[in-house]
Amino acid sequence: MTGSWETSAGQRLVRVYSPLRSTSHKARNGVLSITCRDRHCLKCQASAARRWLAARQADLLPVDYYHLVFTLPAPISEFAYYNKSVVYDILFKAVAETLRTIAADPRHLGARIGVTLVLHTWGSAMTHHPHVHGIVPGGGLSLDGERWVACRPGFFLPVRVLSKLFRRLFLEKLSDAHRADKLQFLGEHQRLAETNSFSDWLKPLRQCKWVVYAKRPFAGPAAVLAYLSRYTHRVAIANTTCKDNLAQARELLMGEKTDESTDAATNGADTADSSDPYEQPHTTYVCPDCGAPMFIIDTFLGGQLPRAPHTLSGGRP
C-alpha cells in the first residue's frame, strides 16, 4: 500500500498511513495518489520551476548580465486589479519595446538584445504591486548581425531614458485599449469609462516619475534566475504563510474561547460539560517526511503477518 509503514507499539504492531508519504502533494482520501499539477497549487509546481530554471541557465552567455525591474505607479496598480489580462499584456509589450528601442539606438548601445522577463503581481506585503523583472546580457548583436557589441563595464542602459520611454509607450497602449473598449471600470473608477475623464486621469501619470531599476547582480545571473524561478510557477501566498496565518487565527480563537469560559465561570455558569470546538484531536503518529498527521488503518498482533493490500481490477495493489 502506498505510503504505509510499520512501527511497534508494545506487543502490537500498528500500520499507519500518511497521505503525503511518497510525494509532496497527494489527495487526502487515503487511497488514490494524485498530484493535482494546478498552477495555483502551493506544492505542485516545484518540479516545473526547476525545469524552467535549468532551461534558462542553459541559455546564459559567457558575458556580464544585468537585472532590470519596471514598476507601474500605484494609481495604475489599483486600476489594473480588475483589468489584469489587458494591463499585464501592455506591461510586457511596453517593457520589451522599450529595451529593444533604446538598445538599438547607436547613442546608447546600437545592438539587438534579448531579455528574459518575469511578471510579479504581488509585493512582500501581499498587496497588488505589478512589476516586471528582467535578466538581460550586457550587450547584443550588432544591427548587421556581424559582431557582438558589449555595453560599457558596469553600465547597461540609462534608467532615466528607459523610464521616460516606458512611461510613454505604456500610456499610449493603455489609451488604445480604452478606445477599443477593452477595459472595464468598477467602483470608484467607473467615471473613467468616459473619454474625457480617462484623459484627465492620465495627465498626472504623464508627469510623475516611473521607477526603473537596472543593476549588475552581485551574485551573477544564476542567482537572479534562481530568485525568479521561485515565482514563475507559484501563487503569491506561500504554504508557510498559510500555516502561520492559520496558527495565528487558531491562537486568536482560542483566546476568545478562554475569555468566554472565564466570563461564564465568573457569572456562575455551569461549564463542566462544555467542550472546546477549536481543540485539535491528539495526533499519535506524525509522518517523518512531511509532518502530516498519520491515521491508524489496521492493527495486528506481534508475529502476525499483515494483510496483503487490496487489488484493483487490473491486478495492481
Protein backbone atom coordinates (compact mmCIF):
# COMPACT_ATOMS: atom_id res chain seq x y z
CA MET A 1 0.00 0.00 0.00
CA THR A 2 1.44 3.37 -0.97
CA GLY A 3 2.63 5.42 1.97
CA SER A 4 2.25 2.73 4.64
CA TRP A 5 4.90 1.91 7.17
CA GLU A 6 5.10 -0.07 10.39
CA THR A 7 6.11 0.67 13.95
CA SER A 8 5.98 -1.23 17.20
CA ALA A 9 3.56 -0.32 19.98
CA GLY A 10 4.32 -2.57 22.94
CA GLN A 11 3.38 -6.12 21.95
CA ARG A 12 1.36 -4.97 18.99
CA LEU A 13 2.27 -3.69 15.54
CA VAL A 14 0.37 -0.78 14.10
CA ARG A 15 0.18 0.09 10.42
CA VAL A 16 -0.23 3.80 9.87
CA TYR A 17 -0.85 5.77 6.70
CA SER A 18 0.48 9.17 5.63
CA PRO A 19 -1.36 10.77 2.69
CA LEU A 20 1.78 12.77 1.86
CA ARG A 21 4.34 9.99 2.31
CA SER A 22 5.59 9.41 -1.24
CA THR A 23 5.15 12.76 -2.97
CA SER A 24 4.86 16.35 -1.89
CA HIS A 25 1.15 16.63 -2.62
CA LYS A 26 -1.49 13.89 -2.66
CA ALA A 27 -5.21 13.56 -2.40
CA ARG A 28 -6.21 13.14 1.23
CA ASN A 29 -8.61 10.26 0.61
CA GLY A 30 -6.21 7.61 1.90
CA VAL A 31 -6.40 5.61 -1.34
CA LEU A 32 -5.55 7.49 -4.51
CA SER A 33 -2.15 9.03 -5.11
CA ILE A 34 -2.81 12.20 -7.09
CA THR A 35 -0.64 15.19 -7.95
CA CYS A 36 -3.02 17.99 -8.94
CA ARG A 37 -0.43 19.91 -11.07
CA ASP A 38 -2.61 23.01 -10.89
CA ARG A 39 -0.61 26.22 -11.43
CA HIS A 40 -2.29 27.73 -8.35
CA CYS A 41 -1.32 24.84 -6.07
CA LEU A 42 1.13 25.67 -3.30
CA LYS A 43 3.03 22.39 -3.64
CA CYS A 44 2.76 21.02 -7.16
CA GLN A 45 4.90 23.47 -9.15
CA ALA A 46 8.37 22.83 -7.70
CA SER A 47 9.45 20.44 -10.45
CA ALA A 48 8.14 22.80 -13.16
CA ALA A 49 10.11 25.67 -11.60
CA ARG A 50 13.28 23.54 -11.58
CA ARG A 51 12.82 22.71 -15.25
CA TRP A 52 12.30 26.38 -16.08
CA LEU A 53 15.43 27.32 -14.15
CA ALA A 54 17.54 24.65 -15.87
CA ALA A 55 16.37 25.80 -19.31
CA ARG A 56 17.11 29.47 -18.56
CA GLN A 57 20.54 28.68 -17.12
CA ALA A 58 21.37 26.73 -20.27
CA ASP A 59 20.67 29.92 -22.27
CA LEU A 60 23.18 32.03 -20.35
CA LEU A 61 26.03 33.52 -22.37
CA PRO A 62 29.61 33.98 -21.06
CA VAL A 63 29.11 37.73 -20.53
CA ASP A 64 28.01 40.04 -17.73
CA TYR A 65 24.27 40.23 -17.08
CA TYR A 66 22.02 42.95 -15.69
CA HIS A 67 18.91 42.76 -13.56
CA LEU A 68 16.11 45.17 -14.52
CA VAL A 69 12.80 45.98 -12.84
CA PHE A 70 9.95 48.01 -14.37
CA THR A 71 7.25 49.05 -11.89
CA LEU A 72 3.79 50.52 -12.51
CA PRO A 73 2.69 53.56 -10.46
CA ALA A 74 0.21 52.96 -7.64
CA PRO A 75 -2.85 54.50 -9.43
CA ILE A 76 -2.39 52.11 -12.35
CA SER A 77 -1.86 49.18 -9.98
CA GLU A 78 -5.27 49.83 -8.44
CA PHE A 79 -6.89 50.17 -11.85
CA ALA A 80 -5.10 47.07 -13.18
CA TYR A 81 -6.51 44.79 -10.48
CA TYR A 82 -9.69 44.13 -12.46
CA ASN A 83 -8.06 44.54 -15.89
CA LYS A 84 -5.25 42.07 -15.35
CA SER A 85 -5.17 40.40 -18.76
CA VAL A 86 -5.13 43.65 -20.73
CA VAL A 87 -2.80 45.63 -18.45
CA TYR A 88 -0.27 42.82 -17.97
CA ASP A 89 -0.12 42.29 -21.72
CA ILE A 90 0.51 46.02 -22.22
CA LEU A 91 3.16 45.94 -19.49
CA PHE A 92 5.12 43.15 -21.17
CA LYS A 93 4.90 44.75 -24.60
CA ALA A 94 5.90 48.19 -23.32
CA VAL A 95 8.93 46.83 -21.42
CA ALA A 96 10.13 44.72 -24.37
CA GLU A 97 9.70 47.57 -26.86
CA THR A 98 11.46 49.99 -24.52
CA LEU A 99 14.52 47.77 -24.14
CA ARG A 100 14.75 46.95 -27.85
CA THR A 101 14.36 50.59 -28.90
CA ILE A 102 16.92 52.10 -26.51
CA ALA A 103 19.40 49.25 -27.05
CA ALA A 104 19.19 49.65 -30.84
CA ASP A 105 19.90 53.39 -30.61
CA PRO A 106 23.58 53.98 -31.64
CA ARG A 107 23.81 56.71 -28.99
CA HIS A 108 23.42 54.06 -26.29
CA LEU A 109 24.32 50.54 -27.43
CA GLY A 110 23.47 50.08 -31.10
CA ALA A 111 22.68 46.39 -30.80
CA ARG A 112 19.85 43.87 -30.94
CA ILE A 113 19.39 42.38 -27.46
CA GLY A 114 17.48 39.52 -25.90
CA VAL A 115 15.84 39.58 -22.48
CA THR A 116 14.01 37.20 -20.13
CA LEU A 117 11.01 38.88 -18.46
CA VAL A 118 9.04 37.59 -15.47
CA LEU A 119 5.88 39.24 -14.12
CA HIS A 120 5.41 39.76 -10.39
CA THR A 121 1.95 40.91 -9.34
CA TRP A 122 2.22 40.94 -5.53
CA GLY A 123 4.65 42.63 -3.18
CA SER A 124 6.10 41.29 0.05
CA ALA A 125 3.28 42.99 1.97
CA MET A 126 0.72 40.91 -0.02
CA THR A 127 -0.60 43.97 -1.85
CA HIS A 128 -1.23 44.22 -5.57
CA HIS A 129 2.06 45.53 -6.92
CA PRO A 130 2.56 44.63 -10.62
CA HIS A 131 6.13 44.88 -11.86
CA VAL A 132 8.33 43.06 -14.35
CA HIS A 133 11.76 41.61 -13.62
CA GLY A 134 14.21 41.23 -16.48
CA ILE A 135 17.55 39.49 -16.87
CA VAL A 136 19.48 40.75 -19.89
CA PRO A 137 23.04 40.20 -21.18
CA GLY A 138 25.35 43.20 -21.18
CA GLY A 139 25.39 43.56 -24.93
CA GLY A 140 23.90 42.21 -28.13
CA LEU A 141 24.37 41.53 -31.80
CA SER A 142 25.27 44.45 -34.00
CA LEU A 143 22.47 45.75 -36.19
CA ASP A 144 24.01 43.98 -39.20
CA GLY A 145 24.40 40.77 -37.18
CA GLU A 146 28.15 40.50 -37.85
CA ARG A 147 29.63 41.11 -34.39
CA TRP A 148 28.95 41.27 -30.66
CA VAL A 149 28.52 44.74 -29.18
CA ALA A 150 29.25 44.93 -25.44
CA CYS A 151 27.96 47.65 -23.15
CA ARG A 152 30.23 49.76 -21.01
CA PRO A 153 31.60 47.92 -17.95
CA GLY A 154 29.14 48.19 -15.08
CA PHE A 155 26.59 50.18 -17.13
CA PHE A 156 23.86 48.80 -19.37
CA LEU A 157 21.38 51.49 -20.42
CA PRO A 158 20.42 54.84 -18.80
CA VAL A 159 17.46 54.29 -16.45
CA ARG A 160 16.07 57.81 -16.98
CA VAL A 161 15.81 57.23 -20.72
CA LEU A 162 14.28 53.80 -20.11
CA SER A 163 11.79 55.26 -17.64
CA LYS A 164 10.57 58.03 -19.94
CA LEU A 165 10.11 55.78 -22.97
CA PHE A 166 8.47 53.06 -20.86
CA ARG A 167 6.01 55.60 -19.46
CA ARG A 168 5.11 56.95 -22.92
CA LEU A 169 4.70 53.54 -24.55
CA PHE A 170 2.64 52.12 -21.70
CA LEU A 171 0.24 55.08 -21.56
CA GLU A 172 -0.15 55.10 -25.34
CA LYS A 173 -1.04 51.41 -25.39
CA LEU A 174 -3.38 51.89 -22.42
CA SER A 175 -5.16 54.72 -24.26
CA ASP A 176 -5.51 52.50 -27.33
CA ALA A 177 -7.09 49.79 -25.16
CA HIS A 178 -9.52 52.34 -23.74
CA ARG A 179 -10.58 53.48 -27.21
CA ALA A 180 -11.07 49.84 -28.22
CA ASP A 181 -13.35 49.25 -25.16
CA LYS A 182 -11.04 46.55 -23.80
CA LEU A 183 -11.06 47.95 -20.26
CA GLN A 184 -13.68 47.59 -17.55
CA PHE A 185 -14.28 50.14 -14.80
CA LEU A 186 -15.65 49.23 -11.39
CA GLY A 187 -16.25 51.02 -8.12
CA GLU A 188 -14.50 54.37 -7.81
CA HIS A 189 -13.09 54.03 -11.32
CA GLN A 190 -16.46 53.90 -13.09
CA ARG A 191 -16.13 57.52 -14.17
CA LEU A 192 -13.03 56.59 -16.22
CA ALA A 193 -15.27 54.94 -18.79
CA GLU A 194 -15.78 58.43 -20.24
CA THR A 195 -13.04 59.53 -22.65
CA ASN A 196 -12.53 62.97 -21.11
CA SER A 197 -12.36 61.61 -17.56
CA PHE A 198 -9.85 58.97 -18.62
CA SER A 199 -7.68 61.59 -20.36
CA ASP A 200 -7.73 63.78 -17.25
CA TRP A 201 -6.80 60.77 -15.11
CA LEU A 202 -3.77 60.09 -17.33
CA LYS A 203 -2.37 63.64 -17.17
CA PRO A 204 -0.59 63.37 -13.79
CA LEU A 205 0.71 59.93 -14.78
CA ARG A 206 2.45 61.51 -17.78
CA GLN A 207 4.35 63.80 -15.43
CA CYS A 208 5.28 61.59 -12.49
CA LYS A 209 8.44 59.51 -12.29
CA TRP A 210 8.12 55.84 -13.23
CA VAL A 211 10.56 53.61 -11.35
CA VAL A 212 13.01 51.59 -13.42
CA TYR A 213 15.87 49.64 -11.84
CA ALA A 214 18.93 48.39 -13.74
CA LYS A 215 21.93 46.98 -11.90
CA ARG A 216 24.50 44.28 -12.34
CA PRO A 217 23.65 41.48 -9.86
CA PHE A 218 26.32 40.92 -7.23
CA ALA A 219 25.89 37.13 -7.25
CA GLY A 220 25.68 36.81 -11.04
CA PRO A 221 22.79 35.96 -13.39
CA ALA A 222 22.33 32.46 -11.97
CA ALA A 223 21.28 33.93 -8.62
CA VAL A 224 18.72 36.23 -10.29
CA LEU A 225 17.28 33.34 -12.28
CA ALA A 226 17.07 31.22 -9.12
CA TYR A 227 15.17 34.07 -7.44
CA LEU A 228 12.79 34.48 -10.38
CA SER A 229 12.21 30.70 -10.63
CA ARG A 230 10.60 30.76 -7.19
CA TYR A 231 7.83 32.95 -8.62
CA THR A 232 7.31 31.61 -12.14
CA HIS A 233 5.25 28.59 -11.07
CA ARG A 234 3.60 29.56 -7.82
CA VAL A 235 0.94 31.79 -6.33
CA ALA A 236 1.62 34.82 -4.19
CA ILE A 237 0.96 33.26 -0.80
CA ALA A 238 3.39 30.58 0.35
CA ASN A 239 2.42 27.42 2.19
CA THR A 240 4.33 28.60 5.25
CA THR A 241 2.33 31.82 5.21
CA CYS A 242 -0.90 29.83 5.12
CA LYS A 243 0.25 27.80 8.12
CA ASP A 244 1.35 30.92 10.00
CA ASN A 245 -1.97 32.62 9.34
CA LEU A 246 -3.86 29.50 10.40
CA ALA A 247 -1.83 29.26 13.60
CA GLN A 248 -2.47 32.94 14.34
CA ALA A 249 -6.20 32.55 13.71
CA ARG A 250 -6.33 29.47 15.94
CA GLU A 251 -4.48 31.34 18.69
CA LEU A 252 -6.91 34.24 18.49
CA LEU A 253 -9.92 31.92 18.54
CA MET A 254 -8.52 30.01 21.49
CA GLY A 255 -8.00 33.32 23.29
CA GLU A 256 -11.61 34.31 22.65
CA LYS A 257 -12.79 30.93 23.88
CA THR A 258 -10.72 31.27 27.05
CA ASP A 259 -12.19 34.72 27.70
CA GLU A 260 -15.72 33.36 27.24
CA SER A 261 -15.05 30.48 29.65
CA THR A 262 -13.63 32.89 32.24
CA ASP A 263 -16.65 35.16 31.98
CA ALA A 264 -19.01 32.20 32.29
CA ALA A 265 -17.21 30.94 35.39
CA THR A 266 -17.32 34.41 36.94
CA ASN A 267 -21.06 34.61 36.37
CA GLY A 268 -21.62 31.19 37.95
CA ALA A 269 -22.42 29.39 34.71
CA ASP A 270 -22.05 25.62 34.62
CA THR A 271 -19.15 24.86 32.32
CA ALA A 272 -18.42 21.28 33.42
CA ASP A 273 -19.85 19.71 30.25
CA SER A 274 -18.66 22.35 27.79
CA SER A 275 -16.24 21.27 25.09
CA ASP A 276 -13.85 23.32 23.02
CA PRO A 277 -14.86 23.15 19.33
CA TYR A 278 -11.45 24.51 18.34
CA GLU A 279 -9.46 21.86 20.14
CA GLN A 280 -7.49 19.72 17.73
CA PRO A 281 -7.53 15.93 18.14
CA HIS A 282 -4.38 14.44 19.58
CA THR A 283 -2.12 13.04 16.87
CA THR A 284 -0.26 9.88 17.92
CA TYR A 285 1.80 9.47 14.77
CA VAL A 286 3.34 12.09 12.51
CA CYS A 287 4.80 11.47 9.06
CA PRO A 288 8.61 11.77 9.24
CA ASP A 289 8.72 13.22 5.71
CA CYS A 290 6.08 15.94 5.66
CA GLY A 291 4.89 16.31 9.27
CA ALA A 292 1.27 15.49 8.36
CA PRO A 293 -0.84 13.52 10.86
CA MET A 294 -0.91 9.75 10.26
CA PHE A 295 -4.03 7.68 10.87
CA ILE A 296 -4.25 4.10 12.10
CA ILE A 297 -5.89 1.96 9.43
CA ASP A 298 -5.08 -1.51 10.74
CA THR A 299 -3.69 -3.27 13.85
CA PHE A 300 -2.39 -6.82 14.30
CA LEU A 301 -0.63 -8.88 16.97
CA GLY A 302 3.11 -9.41 17.12
CA GLY A 303 4.23 -12.17 14.77
CA GLN A 304 1.05 -11.89 12.71
CA LEU A 305 1.64 -11.12 9.04
CA PRO A 306 -0.10 -8.00 7.73
CA ARG A 307 -2.88 -8.47 5.25
CA ALA A 308 -1.93 -8.02 1.63
CA PRO A 309 -3.21 -4.79 0.10
CA HIS A 310 -6.44 -4.94 -1.83
CA THR A 311 -6.03 -5.23 -5.60
CA LEU A 312 -7.88 -3.29 -8.25
CA SER A 313 -9.46 -4.82 -11.34
CA GLY A 314 -6.15 -4.63 -13.22
CA GLY A 315 -4.34 -6.62 -10.56
CA ARG A 316 -2.43 -3.59 -9.26
CA PRO A 317 -2.25 -3.01 -5.49
